[in-house]
């Protein structure tokens, strides 16, 4: 099975966001940020309650709004960070056409940057999300395969299902 694909900035962004969502450190940082925000809310509310109760409802409404909007802000901030990271780190890879050839025992990837031949035993895991496949190697690198660029989706999906069983 052969096909060519070219990755854009959005493809790399989706991969980075997926990888971050699986990271224990990333999950802990998100939880810590929320806890700090809640503690600040409690401290400010208690302080206002003890000193001047007429602003208490304003403070509660203000912090409730912040608590509701914080996850959206956090998501925006994370995406913005990864967009900048991708522009800086992957600028030479964006738009490069790569040819993937899945043989019976190995994957061969050709591009203007490099040529690689990898045995299927070098794969650690195969992940699928709505629009992508991520083929992770034991060395930590991954191949990003957008589903929209796969010419024969059912055949490729069946191939990956069989490959997952071997891993």
N, C-alpha and C. Protein backbone atom coordinates (compact mmCIF):
# COMPACT_ATOMS: atom_id res chain seq x y z
N UNK A 1 0.85 -1.17 0.00
CA UNK A 1 0.00 0.00 0.00
C UNK A 1 0.90 1.24 0.00
N UNK A 2 0.68 2.11 -0.97
CA UNK A 2 1.49 3.33 -1.12
C UNK A 2 0.58 4.56 -1.15
N UNK A 3 1.07 5.64 -0.57
CA UNK A 3 0.40 6.93 -0.72
C UNK A 3 1.37 8.04 -0.33
N UNK A 4 1.04 9.23 -0.81
CA UNK A 4 1.85 10.42 -0.50
C UNK A 4 1.02 11.34 0.37
N UNK A 5 1.72 12.04 1.26
CA UNK A 5 1.03 13.03 2.08
C UNK A 5 1.97 14.17 2.43
N UNK A 6 1.34 15.28 2.76
CA UNK A 6 2.07 16.48 3.14
C UNK A 6 1.40 17.03 4.40
N UNK A 7 2.18 17.31 5.41
CA UNK A 7 1.63 17.79 6.68
C UNK A 7 1.69 19.31 6.75
N UNK A 8 0.63 19.88 7.30
CA UNK A 8 0.60 21.33 7.49
C UNK A 8 0.67 21.65 8.98
N UNK A 9 0.59 22.92 9.30
CA UNK A 9 0.71 23.37 10.69
C UNK A 9 -0.39 22.77 11.57
N UNK A 10 -1.60 22.67 11.04
CA UNK A 10 -2.73 22.12 11.80
C UNK A 10 -2.50 20.65 12.15
N UNK A 11 -1.90 19.89 11.25
CA UNK A 11 -1.60 18.48 11.51
C UNK A 11 -0.65 18.34 12.69
N UNK A 12 0.40 19.14 12.69
CA UNK A 12 1.35 19.10 13.80
C UNK A 12 0.70 19.59 15.10
N UNK A 13 -0.18 20.58 15.00
CA UNK A 13 -0.88 21.07 16.18
C UNK A 13 -1.76 19.98 16.80
N UNK A 14 -2.49 19.27 15.98
CA UNK A 14 -3.35 18.19 16.49
C UNK A 14 -2.52 17.10 17.16
N UNK A 15 -1.36 16.80 16.58
CA UNK A 15 -0.48 15.80 17.20
C UNK A 15 0.04 16.28 18.55
N UNK A 16 0.49 17.53 18.61
CA UNK A 16 1.01 18.06 19.87
C UNK A 16 -0.07 18.09 20.95
N UNK A 17 -1.28 18.50 20.58
CA UNK A 17 -2.38 18.56 21.55
C UNK A 17 -2.75 17.15 22.02
N UNK A 18 -2.75 16.19 21.12
CA UNK A 18 -3.05 14.80 21.51
C UNK A 18 -1.98 14.28 22.47
N UNK A 19 -0.74 14.50 22.13
CA UNK A 19 0.36 14.05 22.98
C UNK A 19 0.30 14.71 24.36
N UNK A 20 0.02 16.00 24.39
CA UNK A 20 -0.08 16.71 25.67
C UNK A 20 -1.25 16.17 26.50
N UNK A 21 -2.35 15.84 25.84
CA UNK A 21 -3.52 15.35 26.59
C UNK A 21 -3.26 14.01 27.25
N UNK A 22 -2.28 13.27 26.77
CA UNK A 22 -1.94 11.97 27.35
C UNK A 22 -0.83 12.06 28.41
N UNK A 23 -0.25 13.24 28.58
CA UNK A 23 0.87 13.43 29.49
C UNK A 23 0.39 13.63 30.93
N UNK A 24 0.97 12.88 31.86
CA UNK A 24 0.63 13.03 33.28
C UNK A 24 1.04 14.41 33.79
N UNK A 25 2.18 14.89 33.37
CA UNK A 25 2.67 16.21 33.81
C UNK A 25 1.71 17.30 33.36
N UNK A 26 1.27 17.23 32.13
CA UNK A 26 0.36 18.23 31.58
C UNK A 26 -0.98 18.21 32.35
N UNK A 27 -1.50 17.03 32.63
CA UNK A 27 -2.75 16.92 33.38
C UNK A 27 -2.59 17.50 34.78
N UNK A 28 -1.46 17.23 35.41
CA UNK A 28 -1.20 17.75 36.76
C UNK A 28 -1.09 19.28 36.75
N UNK A 29 -0.45 19.84 35.72
CA UNK A 29 -0.34 21.30 35.63
C UNK A 29 -1.71 21.95 35.47
N UNK A 30 -2.58 21.35 34.66
CA UNK A 30 -3.93 21.89 34.49
C UNK A 30 -4.70 21.85 35.81
N UNK A 31 -4.58 20.75 36.54
CA UNK A 31 -5.27 20.60 37.81
C UNK A 31 -4.72 21.59 38.84
N UNK A 32 -3.41 21.76 38.88
CA UNK A 32 -2.79 22.69 39.81
C UNK A 32 -3.25 24.12 39.54
N UNK A 33 -3.34 24.51 38.28
CA UNK A 33 -3.82 25.85 37.94
C UNK A 33 -5.24 26.08 38.44
N UNK A 34 -6.09 25.10 38.30
CA UNK A 34 -7.47 25.22 38.76
C UNK A 34 -7.54 25.30 40.28
N UNK A 35 -6.74 24.52 40.96
CA UNK A 35 -6.71 24.55 42.43
C UNK A 35 -6.24 25.91 42.94
N UNK A 36 -5.20 26.46 42.32
CA UNK A 36 -4.70 27.78 42.71
C UNK A 36 -5.78 28.84 42.50
N UNK A 37 -6.48 28.74 41.40
CA UNK A 37 -7.56 29.68 41.13
C UNK A 37 -8.68 29.57 42.17
N UNK A 38 -9.04 28.36 42.53
CA UNK A 38 -10.07 28.15 43.55
C UNK A 38 -9.63 28.67 44.92
N UNK A 39 -8.38 28.43 45.27
CA UNK A 39 -7.86 28.93 46.55
C UNK A 39 -7.86 30.47 46.58
N UNK A 40 -7.48 31.08 45.48
CA UNK A 40 -7.52 32.55 45.40
C UNK A 40 -8.95 33.04 45.57
N UNK A 41 -9.90 32.35 44.96
CA UNK A 41 -11.31 32.70 45.10
C UNK A 41 -11.75 32.65 46.56
N UNK A 42 -11.40 31.57 47.23
CA UNK A 42 -11.80 31.42 48.64
C UNK A 42 -11.16 32.49 49.50
N UNK A 43 -9.87 32.73 49.33
CA UNK A 43 -9.17 33.73 50.14
C UNK A 43 -9.73 35.14 49.93
N UNK A 44 -9.96 35.51 48.69
CA UNK A 44 -10.49 36.85 48.41
C UNK A 44 -11.91 36.97 48.94
N UNK A 45 -12.72 35.94 48.77
CA UNK A 45 -14.10 35.97 49.25
C UNK A 45 -14.16 36.09 50.77
N UNK A 46 -13.33 35.34 51.48
CA UNK A 46 -13.29 35.42 52.95
C UNK A 46 -12.82 36.79 53.39
N UNK A 47 -11.81 37.32 52.71
CA UNK A 47 -11.29 38.64 53.04
C UNK A 47 -12.36 39.72 52.83
N UNK A 48 -13.06 39.66 51.74
CA UNK A 48 -14.13 40.65 51.47
C UNK A 48 -15.26 40.48 52.47
N UNK A 49 -15.60 39.25 52.80
CA UNK A 49 -16.67 39.00 53.76
C UNK A 49 -16.34 39.59 55.12
N UNK A 50 -15.08 39.47 55.53
CA UNK A 50 -14.66 39.98 56.83
C UNK A 50 -14.52 41.50 56.87
N UNK A 51 -14.24 42.12 55.73
CA UNK A 51 -13.99 43.56 55.75
C UNK A 51 -15.17 44.40 55.25
N UNK A 52 -15.75 44.01 54.15
CA UNK A 52 -16.78 44.85 53.56
C UNK A 52 -17.74 43.96 52.78
N UNK A 53 -18.87 43.65 53.39
CA UNK A 53 -19.79 42.68 52.80
C UNK A 53 -20.55 43.19 51.58
N UNK A 54 -20.54 44.48 51.36
CA UNK A 54 -21.31 44.99 50.22
C UNK A 54 -20.71 44.60 48.87
N UNK A 55 -19.41 44.27 48.83
CA UNK A 55 -18.77 43.82 47.59
C UNK A 55 -18.72 42.30 47.46
N UNK A 56 -19.30 41.59 48.42
CA UNK A 56 -19.23 40.13 48.41
C UNK A 56 -19.90 39.54 47.18
N UNK A 57 -21.08 39.99 46.83
CA UNK A 57 -21.78 39.43 45.66
C UNK A 57 -21.04 39.75 44.37
N UNK A 58 -20.45 40.93 44.33
CA UNK A 58 -19.65 41.28 43.16
C UNK A 58 -18.45 40.33 43.03
N UNK A 59 -17.78 40.07 44.15
CA UNK A 59 -16.61 39.18 44.13
C UNK A 59 -17.02 37.76 43.74
N UNK A 60 -18.13 37.29 44.27
CA UNK A 60 -18.60 35.93 43.94
C UNK A 60 -18.93 35.85 42.45
N UNK A 61 -19.64 36.84 41.94
CA UNK A 61 -19.99 36.86 40.53
C UNK A 61 -18.74 36.95 39.65
N UNK A 62 -17.81 37.79 40.05
CA UNK A 62 -16.55 37.95 39.30
C UNK A 62 -15.78 36.63 39.24
N UNK A 63 -15.58 35.99 40.38
CA UNK A 63 -14.81 34.75 40.40
C UNK A 63 -15.57 33.59 39.75
N UNK A 64 -16.88 33.57 39.85
CA UNK A 64 -17.65 32.53 39.16
C UNK A 64 -17.47 32.66 37.65
N UNK A 65 -17.47 33.89 37.16
CA UNK A 65 -17.24 34.12 35.74
C UNK A 65 -15.84 33.66 35.34
N UNK A 66 -14.88 33.98 36.16
CA UNK A 66 -13.50 33.56 35.87
C UNK A 66 -13.40 32.03 35.88
N UNK A 67 -14.02 31.38 36.84
CA UNK A 67 -13.97 29.91 36.91
C UNK A 67 -14.63 29.28 35.69
N UNK A 68 -15.69 29.89 35.20
CA UNK A 68 -16.36 29.35 34.01
C UNK A 68 -15.52 29.57 32.77
N UNK A 69 -14.89 30.73 32.64
CA UNK A 69 -14.13 31.07 31.45
C UNK A 69 -12.70 30.53 31.45
N UNK A 70 -12.19 30.16 32.62
CA UNK A 70 -10.79 29.74 32.74
C UNK A 70 -10.44 28.54 31.84
N UNK A 71 -11.26 27.48 31.78
CA UNK A 71 -10.90 26.37 30.89
C UNK A 71 -10.79 26.78 29.42
N UNK A 72 -11.65 27.70 28.98
CA UNK A 72 -11.57 28.18 27.60
C UNK A 72 -10.28 28.97 27.38
N UNK A 73 -9.94 29.82 28.34
CA UNK A 73 -8.70 30.60 28.26
C UNK A 73 -7.49 29.66 28.25
N UNK A 74 -7.54 28.66 29.13
CA UNK A 74 -6.42 27.72 29.23
C UNK A 74 -6.22 26.98 27.91
N UNK A 75 -7.31 26.51 27.29
CA UNK A 75 -7.23 25.83 25.99
C UNK A 75 -6.65 26.77 24.93
N UNK A 76 -7.11 28.02 24.90
CA UNK A 76 -6.61 28.99 23.94
C UNK A 76 -5.11 29.22 24.15
N UNK A 77 -4.71 29.36 25.40
CA UNK A 77 -3.30 29.61 25.73
C UNK A 77 -2.42 28.44 25.30
N UNK A 78 -2.89 27.22 25.55
CA UNK A 78 -2.13 26.03 25.18
C UNK A 78 -1.99 25.93 23.66
N UNK A 79 -3.09 26.14 22.94
CA UNK A 79 -3.04 26.09 21.47
C UNK A 79 -2.09 27.15 20.94
N UNK A 80 -2.16 28.33 21.51
CA UNK A 80 -1.30 29.42 21.07
C UNK A 80 0.17 29.07 21.30
N UNK A 81 0.47 28.48 22.45
CA UNK A 81 1.84 28.07 22.76
C UNK A 81 2.33 27.05 21.73
N UNK A 82 1.50 26.03 21.46
CA UNK A 82 1.92 24.99 20.51
C UNK A 82 2.01 25.52 19.08
N UNK A 83 1.17 26.47 18.71
CA UNK A 83 1.29 27.06 17.37
C UNK A 83 2.66 27.73 17.21
N UNK A 84 3.07 28.50 18.21
CA UNK A 84 4.38 29.15 18.15
C UNK A 84 5.50 28.11 18.14
N UNK A 85 5.36 27.07 18.95
CA UNK A 85 6.35 26.00 19.01
C UNK A 85 6.48 25.31 17.65
N UNK A 86 5.36 25.05 16.99
CA UNK A 86 5.36 24.37 15.70
C UNK A 86 6.01 25.24 14.63
N UNK A 87 5.69 26.52 14.62
CA UNK A 87 6.29 27.42 13.64
C UNK A 87 7.81 27.44 13.79
N UNK A 88 8.26 27.43 15.03
CA UNK A 88 9.71 27.47 15.29
C UNK A 88 10.38 26.12 15.04
N UNK A 89 9.75 25.04 15.47
CA UNK A 89 10.40 23.73 15.44
C UNK A 89 10.20 22.93 14.16
N UNK A 90 9.06 23.10 13.50
CA UNK A 90 8.73 22.27 12.34
C UNK A 90 8.71 23.05 11.03
N UNK A 91 9.28 24.23 11.00
CA UNK A 91 9.20 25.06 9.80
C UNK A 91 9.78 24.38 8.57
N UNK A 92 10.78 23.52 8.74
CA UNK A 92 11.39 22.84 7.60
C UNK A 92 10.59 21.61 7.17
N UNK A 93 9.69 21.13 8.02
CA UNK A 93 8.91 19.94 7.69
C UNK A 93 7.53 20.26 7.12
N UNK A 94 7.02 21.45 7.40
CA UNK A 94 5.68 21.82 6.94
C UNK A 94 5.65 21.90 5.42
N UNK A 95 4.72 21.17 4.84
CA UNK A 95 4.55 21.18 3.39
C UNK A 95 5.42 20.19 2.63
N UNK A 96 6.30 19.49 3.30
CA UNK A 96 7.18 18.52 2.63
C UNK A 96 6.36 17.28 2.29
N UNK A 97 6.43 16.84 1.04
CA UNK A 97 5.70 15.66 0.59
C UNK A 97 6.50 14.42 0.95
N UNK A 98 5.83 13.48 1.61
CA UNK A 98 6.45 12.22 1.99
C UNK A 98 5.67 11.07 1.35
N UNK A 99 6.40 10.08 0.92
CA UNK A 99 5.75 8.89 0.35
C UNK A 99 5.85 7.75 1.37
N UNK A 100 4.71 7.17 1.68
CA UNK A 100 4.65 6.05 2.61
C UNK A 100 4.40 4.78 1.82
N UNK A 101 5.21 3.76 2.09
CA UNK A 101 5.01 2.45 1.46
C UNK A 101 4.98 1.40 2.57
N UNK A 102 3.83 0.81 2.73
CA UNK A 102 3.66 -0.23 3.75
C UNK A 102 3.85 -1.59 3.08
N UNK A 103 5.00 -2.21 3.35
CA UNK A 103 5.28 -3.54 2.83
C UNK A 103 4.80 -4.58 3.83
N UNK A 104 5.07 -5.83 3.56
CA UNK A 104 4.62 -6.89 4.46
C UNK A 104 5.36 -6.87 5.79
N UNK A 105 6.62 -6.47 5.79
CA UNK A 105 7.42 -6.50 7.01
C UNK A 105 7.91 -5.14 7.50
N UNK A 106 7.73 -4.11 6.68
CA UNK A 106 8.31 -2.82 7.06
C UNK A 106 7.54 -1.65 6.44
N UNK A 107 7.82 -0.48 7.00
CA UNK A 107 7.31 0.78 6.48
C UNK A 107 8.49 1.54 5.89
N UNK A 108 8.35 2.00 4.66
CA UNK A 108 9.39 2.78 4.01
C UNK A 108 8.81 4.18 3.78
N UNK A 109 9.54 5.19 4.28
CA UNK A 109 9.11 6.58 4.14
C UNK A 109 10.18 7.33 3.37
N UNK A 110 9.79 7.95 2.27
CA UNK A 110 10.71 8.74 1.44
C UNK A 110 10.25 10.19 1.40
N UNK A 111 11.19 11.10 1.55
CA UNK A 111 10.92 12.52 1.37
C UNK A 111 12.21 13.19 0.92
N UNK A 112 12.15 14.48 0.66
CA UNK A 112 13.36 15.19 0.26
C UNK A 112 14.32 15.33 1.44
N UNK A 113 13.81 15.17 2.64
CA UNK A 113 14.64 15.31 3.84
C UNK A 113 15.38 14.02 4.16
N UNK A 114 14.67 12.88 4.07
CA UNK A 114 15.28 11.61 4.47
C UNK A 114 14.53 10.43 3.87
N UNK A 115 15.17 9.28 3.97
CA UNK A 115 14.55 8.01 3.60
C UNK A 115 14.71 7.08 4.78
N UNK A 116 13.60 6.45 5.18
CA UNK A 116 13.64 5.57 6.35
C UNK A 116 12.95 4.26 6.03
N UNK A 117 13.53 3.19 6.56
CA UNK A 117 12.90 1.88 6.47
C UNK A 117 12.80 1.34 7.89
N UNK A 118 11.58 1.11 8.32
CA UNK A 118 11.34 0.70 9.71
C UNK A 118 10.58 -0.61 9.74
N UNK A 119 11.10 -1.56 10.49
CA UNK A 119 10.37 -2.80 10.70
C UNK A 119 9.18 -2.54 11.60
N UNK A 120 8.12 -3.30 11.42
CA UNK A 120 6.92 -3.08 12.23
C UNK A 120 7.16 -3.38 13.71
N UNK A 121 8.21 -4.12 14.02
CA UNK A 121 8.54 -4.39 15.42
C UNK A 121 9.09 -3.14 16.11
N UNK A 122 9.40 -2.09 15.36
CA UNK A 122 9.89 -0.85 15.96
C UNK A 122 8.75 0.08 16.37
N UNK A 123 7.49 -0.32 16.09
CA UNK A 123 6.34 0.48 16.50
C UNK A 123 5.95 0.15 17.93
N UNK A 124 5.67 1.19 18.69
CA UNK A 124 5.24 1.01 20.08
C UNK A 124 3.73 0.96 20.18
N UNK A 125 3.07 1.89 19.51
CA UNK A 125 1.61 1.93 19.55
C UNK A 125 1.07 2.66 18.33
N UNK A 126 -0.20 2.38 18.05
CA UNK A 126 -0.91 3.04 16.96
C UNK A 126 -2.16 3.66 17.56
N UNK A 127 -2.28 4.97 17.42
CA UNK A 127 -3.42 5.68 17.99
C UNK A 127 -4.25 6.29 16.87
N UNK A 128 -5.56 6.31 17.10
CA UNK A 128 -6.47 6.88 16.12
C UNK A 128 -7.37 7.88 16.81
N UNK A 129 -7.47 9.07 16.23
CA UNK A 129 -8.45 10.05 16.67
C UNK A 129 -9.34 10.36 15.47
N UNK A 130 -10.23 11.29 15.60
CA UNK A 130 -11.23 11.55 14.57
C UNK A 130 -10.64 11.73 13.17
N UNK A 131 -9.59 12.52 13.05
CA UNK A 131 -9.06 12.86 11.72
C UNK A 131 -7.64 12.38 11.45
N UNK A 132 -7.04 11.65 12.40
CA UNK A 132 -5.63 11.29 12.26
C UNK A 132 -5.34 9.89 12.79
N UNK A 133 -4.25 9.33 12.26
CA UNK A 133 -3.59 8.17 12.85
C UNK A 133 -2.22 8.65 13.31
N UNK A 134 -1.80 8.19 14.49
CA UNK A 134 -0.46 8.49 14.99
C UNK A 134 0.25 7.16 15.20
N UNK A 135 1.32 6.94 14.45
CA UNK A 135 2.10 5.72 14.55
C UNK A 135 3.34 6.04 15.38
N UNK A 136 3.34 5.59 16.62
CA UNK A 136 4.44 5.93 17.53
C UNK A 136 5.50 4.84 17.52
N UNK A 137 6.74 5.27 17.36
CA UNK A 137 7.87 4.35 17.38
C UNK A 137 8.39 4.17 18.80
N UNK A 138 9.14 3.12 19.03
CA UNK A 138 9.71 2.86 20.35
C UNK A 138 10.73 3.93 20.74
N UNK A 139 11.28 4.64 19.77
CA UNK A 139 12.24 5.70 20.04
C UNK A 139 11.57 7.01 20.45
N UNK A 140 10.24 7.07 20.36
CA UNK A 140 9.51 8.25 20.79
C UNK A 140 8.96 9.09 19.64
N UNK A 141 9.55 8.97 18.45
CA UNK A 141 9.02 9.72 17.31
C UNK A 141 7.69 9.12 16.86
N UNK A 142 6.95 9.91 16.11
CA UNK A 142 5.67 9.44 15.60
C UNK A 142 5.49 9.88 14.16
N UNK A 143 4.73 9.08 13.43
CA UNK A 143 4.29 9.48 12.10
C UNK A 143 2.86 9.95 12.22
N UNK A 144 2.59 11.12 11.64
CA UNK A 144 1.25 11.70 11.66
C UNK A 144 0.64 11.41 10.29
N UNK A 145 -0.50 10.74 10.28
CA UNK A 145 -1.15 10.41 9.02
C UNK A 145 -2.57 10.97 9.04
N UNK A 146 -2.81 12.07 8.32
CA UNK A 146 -4.17 12.61 8.23
C UNK A 146 -5.07 11.66 7.43
N UNK A 147 -6.22 11.35 7.97
CA UNK A 147 -7.14 10.43 7.30
C UNK A 147 -7.59 10.95 5.95
N UNK A 148 -7.70 12.27 5.81
CA UNK A 148 -8.18 12.84 4.56
C UNK A 148 -7.22 12.63 3.40
N UNK A 149 -5.95 12.32 3.70
CA UNK A 149 -4.96 12.13 2.65
C UNK A 149 -4.73 10.66 2.29
N UNK A 150 -5.47 9.76 2.94
CA UNK A 150 -5.33 8.34 2.66
C UNK A 150 -6.27 7.98 1.50
N UNK A 151 -5.72 7.42 0.42
CA UNK A 151 -6.57 7.15 -0.74
C UNK A 151 -7.60 6.03 -0.51
N UNK A 152 -7.22 4.96 0.15
CA UNK A 152 -8.12 3.83 0.37
C UNK A 152 -8.28 3.63 1.88
N UNK A 153 -9.19 4.40 2.47
CA UNK A 153 -9.34 4.41 3.93
C UNK A 153 -9.73 3.06 4.53
N UNK A 154 -10.72 2.34 3.98
CA UNK A 154 -11.09 1.06 4.59
C UNK A 154 -9.94 0.04 4.58
N UNK A 155 -9.22 -0.02 3.47
CA UNK A 155 -8.10 -0.96 3.39
C UNK A 155 -7.00 -0.57 4.39
N UNK A 156 -6.70 0.72 4.50
CA UNK A 156 -5.67 1.18 5.43
C UNK A 156 -6.10 0.93 6.87
N UNK A 157 -7.35 1.18 7.19
CA UNK A 157 -7.87 0.94 8.54
C UNK A 157 -7.75 -0.54 8.90
N UNK A 158 -8.09 -1.41 7.96
CA UNK A 158 -7.96 -2.85 8.21
C UNK A 158 -6.50 -3.26 8.39
N UNK A 159 -5.62 -2.66 7.60
CA UNK A 159 -4.19 -2.94 7.71
C UNK A 159 -3.69 -2.56 9.10
N UNK A 160 -4.08 -1.37 9.59
CA UNK A 160 -3.64 -0.92 10.91
C UNK A 160 -4.24 -1.78 12.03
N UNK A 161 -5.46 -2.23 11.85
CA UNK A 161 -6.08 -3.13 12.83
C UNK A 161 -5.27 -4.41 12.94
N UNK A 162 -4.87 -4.97 11.81
CA UNK A 162 -4.05 -6.18 11.83
C UNK A 162 -2.67 -5.92 12.42
N UNK A 163 -2.13 -4.74 12.13
CA UNK A 163 -0.81 -4.38 12.67
C UNK A 163 -0.88 -4.21 14.18
N UNK A 164 -1.96 -3.63 14.69
CA UNK A 164 -2.12 -3.44 16.14
C UNK A 164 -2.11 -4.78 16.87
N UNK A 165 -2.70 -5.78 16.26
CA UNK A 165 -2.75 -7.12 16.87
C UNK A 165 -1.35 -7.72 17.02
N UNK A 166 -0.44 -7.36 16.11
CA UNK A 166 0.93 -7.87 16.15
C UNK A 166 1.79 -7.17 17.20
N UNK A 167 1.39 -5.95 17.59
CA UNK A 167 2.22 -5.17 18.52
C UNK A 167 2.11 -5.69 19.93
